[in-house]
Amino acid sequence: MGILSKEAIRLLGFKSVGEGIQISDKVSIYGAERITLGNNIRIDDFAILSAGEGGIIIGNYVHIAFGSSLVGAGKITLSNFSGISSRVSIYSSTDDYSGSFMTNPTVPKEFTNSIDGDVFLGEHVIIGSGSVVLPGTTLDMGAAIGALSMVNKNCESCWIYFGAPIRKVKKRKSNFLEYEKKLLSMFNFIGKS
């Protein structure tokens, strides 16, 4: 994976950029001026970040694996230590599928009914490969989504979800919080941003 240089990342025109950013040279970025990048982020090959009006906020220690997409008019937030596996699609907008309106972005807005909704991933959220997250959903701290799942409702903290649509499977351990403390103390972090 070829990584963009600091200068190449700066030239993309992000709203703000932290330290330790690794972005593949095969990533597609739209609306960079509405994207905020924290520290220690890795975005792999063929990922797509398309920030609409709400923008995209990516916290610290976040991984977005290859072929994933973050798309839509609503705000998308990936909090610290969250992870997006390969081919995950996060949508903060969708067409109206009822048939009451026309669909797709080539049709003038007055004939469509785009449905926008912010998507929020709390700290330590992990989403398995091939999953789809729909607009207006919140995944609370430590929620885990199994591969090939469809997230169409809010997910509670430290629960594992799976399926299409998702269903609550079992409670998740929260040992990761102790490891977070150790990691942050190793680097003498005063706090998390």
Foldseek 3Di string as FASTA:
>chain_A
DAWDDPVRLVVVQACEEEEQETEHPQEAEAPRPQEAYEYNEHEDHQEYEHEACQGEYEFYNEYAEHQEYEDENHYEYHYAQEYEYHNEYEYQKDWDPPPCFDDDPVDDPVRTDIHGAYEEEEHQEYEEACEYEYHNEYEYAQEYEYHNEYDPYYHDHQFYWYHDDIDTDGGHDDCVVVVVVVVCVVVPPPDTD
